[in-house]
Amino acid sequence: MTSVQNGPVQTTATQGAPGAPTPAQQPPGWMNFVPMLAIFLIFYVLFIRPQGKQMKEQRKMLEELKKGDRVLTEGGFYGTIAGFHGSDVDLKLNDSVKIKITRSSIRRLANPKTELVAPNGTAKKV
């Protein structure tokens, strides 16, 4: 006949040998998202926020345009605003050339005191 032993059963997985190191505990599951959150925060501060700020300034500049402002277009043309037609702008490039462009294709206001340097090295006021 076999005898049945009553009592606690010891396993090496739950109780190690005396003096042996205990296994390390796993960090909580939400701790795995902390590095991703930190990376997103860095991207937001370095890229997303400055771009949003720049877009806001561009939108404000386009809303404040008025007749007679000297502007630079996305295509590289300098001109003076001659009039507005909804979202379009009449741009006067010189005395005989006037073009119609969209307001959003204006890149920035041109500084009237900007100097252009000719290929021969002489400066010319705009």
N, C-alpha and C. Protein backbone atom coordinates (compact mmCIF):
# COMPACT_ATOMS: atom_id res chain seq x y z
N MET A 1 0.82 -1.15 0.00
CA MET A 1 0.00 0.00 0.00
C MET A 1 0.89 1.25 0.00
N THR A 2 0.43 2.27 -0.63
CA THR A 2 1.21 3.49 -0.68
C THR A 2 0.69 4.47 0.34
N SER A 3 1.58 5.26 0.84
CA SER A 3 1.15 6.23 1.83
C SER A 3 1.04 7.61 1.19
N VAL A 4 0.08 8.38 1.59
CA VAL A 4 -0.14 9.74 1.10
C VAL A 4 0.39 10.68 2.16
N GLN A 5 1.22 11.60 1.71
CA GLN A 5 1.81 12.55 2.65
C GLN A 5 0.98 13.82 2.66
N ASN A 6 0.51 14.21 3.76
CA ASN A 6 -0.23 15.45 3.92
C ASN A 6 0.73 16.54 4.38
N GLY A 7 0.65 17.69 3.71
CA GLY A 7 1.52 18.79 4.12
C GLY A 7 1.87 19.65 2.92
N PRO A 8 2.56 20.73 3.16
CA PRO A 8 2.90 21.62 2.05
C PRO A 8 3.94 20.99 1.13
N VAL A 9 3.77 21.29 -0.14
CA VAL A 9 4.70 20.80 -1.15
C VAL A 9 5.61 21.96 -1.52
N GLN A 10 6.90 21.74 -1.48
CA GLN A 10 7.84 22.79 -1.82
C GLN A 10 8.30 22.61 -3.26
N THR A 11 8.34 23.74 -3.98
CA THR A 11 8.89 23.71 -5.34
C THR A 11 10.04 24.70 -5.40
N THR A 12 10.95 24.48 -6.30
CA THR A 12 12.10 25.37 -6.40
C THR A 12 11.75 26.68 -7.09
N ALA A 13 10.62 26.74 -7.81
CA ALA A 13 10.24 27.97 -8.50
C ALA A 13 9.75 29.03 -7.52
N THR A 14 9.01 28.60 -6.48
CA THR A 14 8.47 29.58 -5.54
C THR A 14 9.43 29.84 -4.39
N GLN A 15 10.15 28.86 -4.00
CA GLN A 15 11.09 29.05 -2.91
C GLN A 15 12.45 28.53 -3.36
N GLY A 16 13.37 29.44 -3.46
CA GLY A 16 14.68 29.06 -3.91
C GLY A 16 15.51 28.55 -2.75
N ALA A 17 16.70 28.22 -3.07
CA ALA A 17 17.62 27.76 -2.04
C ALA A 17 17.95 28.94 -1.13
N PRO A 18 18.27 28.67 0.09
CA PRO A 18 18.60 29.77 1.00
C PRO A 18 19.80 30.57 0.48
N GLY A 19 19.67 31.92 0.47
CA GLY A 19 20.74 32.78 0.02
C GLY A 19 20.72 33.07 -1.47
N ALA A 20 19.82 32.43 -2.23
CA ALA A 20 19.75 32.68 -3.67
C ALA A 20 18.93 33.94 -3.93
N PRO A 21 19.27 34.72 -5.00
CA PRO A 21 18.50 35.95 -5.28
C PRO A 21 17.08 35.62 -5.74
N THR A 22 16.15 36.48 -5.37
CA THR A 22 14.76 36.29 -5.79
C THR A 22 14.58 36.88 -7.19
N PRO A 23 13.69 36.33 -7.99
CA PRO A 23 13.49 36.85 -9.34
C PRO A 23 12.93 38.28 -9.28
N ALA A 24 13.33 39.13 -10.27
CA ALA A 24 12.88 40.52 -10.32
C ALA A 24 11.41 40.59 -10.71
N GLN A 25 10.71 41.55 -10.13
CA GLN A 25 9.30 41.72 -10.46
C GLN A 25 9.16 42.54 -11.73
N GLN A 26 8.12 42.29 -12.51
CA GLN A 26 7.84 43.03 -13.73
C GLN A 26 7.26 44.39 -13.35
N PRO A 27 7.63 45.48 -14.08
CA PRO A 27 7.02 46.78 -13.80
C PRO A 27 5.56 46.77 -14.23
N PRO A 28 4.76 47.68 -13.71
CA PRO A 28 3.36 47.75 -14.12
C PRO A 28 3.24 47.98 -15.63
N GLY A 29 2.13 47.55 -16.22
CA GLY A 29 1.94 47.64 -17.66
C GLY A 29 1.99 49.06 -18.21
N TRP A 30 1.51 50.03 -17.45
CA TRP A 30 1.50 51.40 -17.94
C TRP A 30 2.90 51.99 -18.05
N MET A 31 3.86 51.41 -17.38
CA MET A 31 5.24 51.91 -17.45
C MET A 31 5.85 51.69 -18.84
N ASN A 32 5.28 50.76 -19.61
CA ASN A 32 5.78 50.53 -20.96
C ASN A 32 5.45 51.69 -21.89
N PHE A 33 4.45 52.50 -21.54
CA PHE A 33 4.04 53.62 -22.38
C PHE A 33 4.78 54.92 -22.05
N VAL A 34 5.50 54.96 -20.95
CA VAL A 34 6.21 56.17 -20.54
C VAL A 34 7.24 56.60 -21.59
N PRO A 35 8.09 55.71 -22.15
CA PRO A 35 9.04 56.16 -23.18
C PRO A 35 8.33 56.71 -24.42
N MET A 36 7.24 56.08 -24.85
CA MET A 36 6.51 56.57 -26.01
C MET A 36 5.90 57.94 -25.73
N LEU A 37 5.40 58.13 -24.53
CA LEU A 37 4.84 59.42 -24.15
C LEU A 37 5.92 60.50 -24.13
N ALA A 38 7.09 60.16 -23.64
CA ALA A 38 8.21 61.11 -23.62
C ALA A 38 8.62 61.50 -25.04
N ILE A 39 8.68 60.54 -25.95
CA ILE A 39 9.04 60.82 -27.34
C ILE A 39 7.99 61.72 -27.98
N PHE A 40 6.71 61.44 -27.76
CA PHE A 40 5.65 62.29 -28.31
C PHE A 40 5.76 63.70 -27.78
N LEU A 41 6.05 63.84 -26.50
CA LEU A 41 6.18 65.17 -25.89
C LEU A 41 7.34 65.93 -26.52
N ILE A 42 8.45 65.26 -26.77
CA ILE A 42 9.60 65.90 -27.41
C ILE A 42 9.23 66.34 -28.82
N PHE A 43 8.57 65.48 -29.59
CA PHE A 43 8.15 65.85 -30.95
C PHE A 43 7.19 67.03 -30.92
N TYR A 44 6.28 67.04 -29.97
CA TYR A 44 5.32 68.14 -29.87
C TYR A 44 6.05 69.46 -29.64
N VAL A 45 6.96 69.47 -28.68
CA VAL A 45 7.66 70.70 -28.33
C VAL A 45 8.58 71.16 -29.45
N LEU A 46 9.26 70.22 -30.12
CA LEU A 46 10.23 70.61 -31.14
C LEU A 46 9.64 70.85 -32.52
N PHE A 47 8.55 70.16 -32.89
CA PHE A 47 8.07 70.23 -34.26
C PHE A 47 6.63 70.73 -34.39
N ILE A 48 5.71 70.13 -33.69
CA ILE A 48 4.29 70.41 -33.89
C ILE A 48 3.91 71.82 -33.43
N ARG A 49 4.32 72.19 -32.23
CA ARG A 49 3.95 73.50 -31.70
C ARG A 49 4.55 74.65 -32.51
N PRO A 50 5.85 74.61 -32.83
CA PRO A 50 6.39 75.72 -33.64
C PRO A 50 5.74 75.83 -35.02
N GLN A 51 5.39 74.69 -35.63
CA GLN A 51 4.75 74.74 -36.94
C GLN A 51 3.36 75.37 -36.82
N GLY A 52 2.63 75.03 -35.78
CA GLY A 52 1.31 75.62 -35.56
C GLY A 52 1.40 77.11 -35.32
N LYS A 53 2.43 77.52 -34.59
CA LYS A 53 2.64 78.94 -34.32
C LYS A 53 2.96 79.69 -35.62
N GLN A 54 3.79 79.08 -36.47
CA GLN A 54 4.16 79.69 -37.74
C GLN A 54 2.93 79.80 -38.65
N MET A 55 2.08 78.76 -38.68
CA MET A 55 0.87 78.81 -39.50
C MET A 55 -0.07 79.91 -39.02
N LYS A 56 -0.16 80.09 -37.71
CA LYS A 56 -1.01 81.13 -37.15
C LYS A 56 -0.51 82.52 -37.56
N GLU A 57 0.81 82.73 -37.50
CA GLU A 57 1.39 84.01 -37.90
C GLU A 57 1.17 84.27 -39.39
N GLN A 58 1.30 83.22 -40.23
CA GLN A 58 1.09 83.35 -41.67
C GLN A 58 -0.36 83.74 -41.96
N ARG A 59 -1.30 83.07 -41.29
CA ARG A 59 -2.72 83.36 -41.47
C ARG A 59 -3.04 84.81 -41.07
N LYS A 60 -2.45 85.25 -39.96
CA LYS A 60 -2.66 86.62 -39.49
C LYS A 60 -2.10 87.63 -40.50
N MET A 61 -0.91 87.34 -41.05
CA MET A 61 -0.30 88.23 -42.03
C MET A 61 -1.18 88.33 -43.28
N LEU A 62 -1.73 87.20 -43.74
CA LEU A 62 -2.58 87.20 -44.93
C LEU A 62 -3.88 87.98 -44.70
N GLU A 63 -4.42 87.92 -43.48
CA GLU A 63 -5.65 88.65 -43.17
C GLU A 63 -5.41 90.15 -43.09
N GLU A 64 -4.19 90.56 -42.72
CA GLU A 64 -3.89 91.98 -42.53
C GLU A 64 -3.33 92.65 -43.78
N LEU A 65 -3.27 91.94 -44.91
CA LEU A 65 -2.76 92.56 -46.14
C LEU A 65 -3.66 93.72 -46.56
N LYS A 66 -3.04 94.74 -47.11
CA LYS A 66 -3.81 95.88 -47.59
C LYS A 66 -3.24 96.35 -48.92
N LYS A 67 -4.01 97.14 -49.62
CA LYS A 67 -3.60 97.66 -50.91
C LYS A 67 -2.33 98.49 -50.74
N GLY A 68 -1.36 98.26 -51.62
CA GLY A 68 -0.10 98.98 -51.57
C GLY A 68 1.02 98.24 -50.87
N ASP A 69 0.70 97.11 -50.19
CA ASP A 69 1.75 96.32 -49.54
C ASP A 69 2.64 95.66 -50.58
N ARG A 70 3.93 95.65 -50.32
CA ARG A 70 4.88 94.97 -51.20
C ARG A 70 5.07 93.57 -50.64
N VAL A 71 4.90 92.54 -51.51
CA VAL A 71 4.92 91.16 -51.05
C VAL A 71 5.83 90.30 -51.92
N LEU A 72 6.18 89.13 -51.39
CA LEU A 72 6.91 88.11 -52.12
C LEU A 72 5.99 86.90 -52.24
N THR A 73 5.82 86.38 -53.46
CA THR A 73 4.94 85.24 -53.67
C THR A 73 5.71 83.94 -53.53
N GLU A 74 4.98 82.83 -53.46
CA GLU A 74 5.59 81.51 -53.40
C GLU A 74 6.42 81.24 -54.66
N GLY A 75 6.05 81.83 -55.77
CA GLY A 75 6.77 81.63 -57.02
C GLY A 75 8.01 82.50 -57.15
N GLY A 76 8.24 83.38 -56.18
CA GLY A 76 9.43 84.21 -56.20
C GLY A 76 9.24 85.58 -56.82
N PHE A 77 8.00 85.96 -57.11
CA PHE A 77 7.73 87.28 -57.69
C PHE A 77 7.56 88.31 -56.58
N TYR A 78 8.20 89.46 -56.76
CA TYR A 78 7.96 90.61 -55.90
C TYR A 78 6.93 91.48 -56.59
N GLY A 79 5.99 91.98 -55.82
CA GLY A 79 4.98 92.85 -56.40
C GLY A 79 4.28 93.67 -55.35
N THR A 80 3.43 94.56 -55.82
CA THR A 80 2.65 95.43 -54.94
C THR A 80 1.18 95.07 -55.11
N ILE A 81 0.47 94.96 -54.01
CA ILE A 81 -0.94 94.61 -54.06
C ILE A 81 -1.73 95.78 -54.64
N ALA A 82 -2.49 95.48 -55.71
CA ALA A 82 -3.28 96.51 -56.38
C ALA A 82 -4.76 96.42 -56.01
N GLY A 83 -5.20 95.26 -55.54
CA GLY A 83 -6.61 95.11 -55.18
C GLY A 83 -6.92 93.71 -54.72
N PHE A 84 -8.14 93.51 -54.20
CA PHE A 84 -8.59 92.22 -53.69
C PHE A 84 -9.90 91.84 -54.36
N HIS A 85 -10.07 90.54 -54.61
CA HIS A 85 -11.31 89.98 -55.15
C HIS A 85 -11.58 88.67 -54.42
N GLY A 86 -12.19 88.75 -53.24
CA GLY A 86 -12.44 87.55 -52.45
C GLY A 86 -11.13 86.96 -51.95
N SER A 87 -10.85 85.73 -52.38
CA SER A 87 -9.61 85.09 -51.96
C SER A 87 -8.48 85.34 -52.96
N ASP A 88 -8.75 86.11 -53.99
CA ASP A 88 -7.73 86.45 -55.00
C ASP A 88 -7.18 87.85 -54.76
N VAL A 89 -5.97 88.06 -55.25
CA VAL A 89 -5.29 89.34 -55.10
C VAL A 89 -4.77 89.77 -56.46
N ASP A 90 -4.97 91.03 -56.81
CA ASP A 90 -4.34 91.60 -58.01
C ASP A 90 -2.97 92.10 -57.58
N LEU A 91 -1.94 91.56 -58.21
CA LEU A 91 -0.57 91.91 -57.86
C LEU A 91 0.08 92.64 -59.02
N LYS A 92 0.58 93.82 -58.74
CA LYS A 92 1.23 94.63 -59.77
C LYS A 92 2.73 94.36 -59.69
N LEU A 93 3.29 93.75 -60.75
CA LEU A 93 4.71 93.43 -60.77
C LEU A 93 5.55 94.62 -61.21
N ASN A 94 5.07 95.35 -62.20
CA ASN A 94 5.69 96.62 -62.61
C ASN A 94 4.58 97.48 -63.22
N ASP A 95 4.94 98.56 -63.89
CA ASP A 95 3.92 99.49 -64.39
C ASP A 95 2.98 98.86 -65.42
N SER A 96 3.46 97.90 -66.18
CA SER A 96 2.62 97.34 -67.25
C SER A 96 2.16 95.91 -67.00
N VAL A 97 2.61 95.26 -65.94
CA VAL A 97 2.25 93.85 -65.70
C VAL A 97 1.48 93.73 -64.39
N LYS A 98 0.27 93.19 -64.50
CA LYS A 98 -0.57 92.95 -63.33
C LYS A 98 -1.06 91.51 -63.43
N ILE A 99 -0.93 90.75 -62.34
CA ILE A 99 -1.37 89.35 -62.35
C ILE A 99 -2.37 89.14 -61.21
N LYS A 100 -3.16 88.08 -61.35
CA LYS A 100 -4.12 87.71 -60.31
C LYS A 100 -3.62 86.42 -59.68
N ILE A 101 -3.45 86.41 -58.36
CA ILE A 101 -2.99 85.22 -57.63
C ILE A 101 -3.91 84.98 -56.44
N THR A 102 -3.83 83.81 -55.87
CA THR A 102 -4.59 83.54 -54.66
C THR A 102 -3.87 84.16 -53.47
N ARG A 103 -4.63 84.55 -52.49
CA ARG A 103 -4.06 85.17 -51.30
C ARG A 103 -3.08 84.21 -50.60
N SER A 104 -3.38 82.92 -50.63
CA SER A 104 -2.53 81.94 -49.94
C SER A 104 -1.18 81.73 -50.62
N SER A 105 -1.02 82.22 -51.85
CA SER A 105 0.28 82.05 -52.52
C SER A 105 1.25 83.19 -52.19
N ILE A 106 0.84 84.09 -51.31
CA ILE A 106 1.75 85.14 -50.84
C ILE A 106 2.56 84.56 -49.69
N ARG A 107 3.87 84.60 -49.84
CA ARG A 107 4.77 84.00 -48.85
C ARG A 107 4.99 84.91 -47.65
N ARG A 108 5.34 86.17 -47.94
CA ARG A 108 5.62 87.11 -46.85
C ARG A 108 5.58 88.53 -47.38
N LEU A 109 5.57 89.46 -46.46
CA LEU A 109 5.71 90.87 -46.83
C LEU A 109 7.17 91.11 -47.19
N ALA A 110 7.38 91.89 -48.24
CA ALA A 110 8.74 92.23 -48.64
C ALA A 110 9.15 93.51 -47.93
N ASN A 111 10.31 93.51 -47.38
CA ASN A 111 10.83 94.68 -46.69
C ASN A 111 11.24 95.71 -47.73
N PRO A 112 10.66 96.91 -47.71
CA PRO A 112 11.01 97.91 -48.73
C PRO A 112 12.46 98.36 -48.66
N LYS A 113 13.14 98.14 -47.56
CA LYS A 113 14.53 98.56 -47.41
C LYS A 113 15.50 97.44 -47.77
N THR A 114 14.98 96.34 -48.30
CA THR A 114 15.84 95.22 -48.67
C THR A 114 16.72 95.62 -49.84
N GLU A 115 17.96 95.24 -49.76
CA GLU A 115 18.88 95.52 -50.85
C GLU A 115 19.11 94.25 -51.65
N LEU A 116 19.07 94.37 -52.95
CA LEU A 116 19.40 93.26 -53.82
C LEU A 116 20.82 93.46 -54.31
N VAL A 117 21.57 92.39 -54.39
CA VAL A 117 22.95 92.48 -54.86
C VAL A 117 22.98 91.96 -56.28
N ALA A 118 23.42 92.78 -57.19
CA ALA A 118 23.54 92.41 -58.60
C ALA A 118 24.74 91.49 -58.78
N PRO A 119 24.79 90.73 -59.88
CA PRO A 119 25.92 89.83 -60.12
C PRO A 119 27.27 90.54 -60.15
N ASN A 120 27.27 91.83 -60.50
CA ASN A 120 28.55 92.55 -60.53
C ASN A 120 28.95 93.07 -59.16
N GLY A 121 28.12 92.80 -58.12
CA GLY A 121 28.47 93.15 -56.76
C GLY A 121 27.93 94.48 -56.27
N THR A 122 27.24 95.21 -57.12
CA THR A 122 26.66 96.49 -56.71
C THR A 122 25.32 96.26 -56.04
N ALA A 123 25.01 97.02 -55.02
CA ALA A 123 23.75 96.90 -54.30
C ALA A 123 22.71 97.81 -54.93
N LYS A 124 21.49 97.36 -54.95
CA LYS A 124 20.40 98.13 -55.55
C LYS A 124 19.23 98.12 -54.59
N LYS A 125 18.70 99.28 -54.26
CA LYS A 125 17.52 99.37 -53.39
C LYS A 125 16.29 98.95 -54.18
N VAL A 126 15.40 98.23 -53.49
CA VAL A 126 14.16 97.80 -54.12
C VAL A 126 13.11 98.84 -53.92
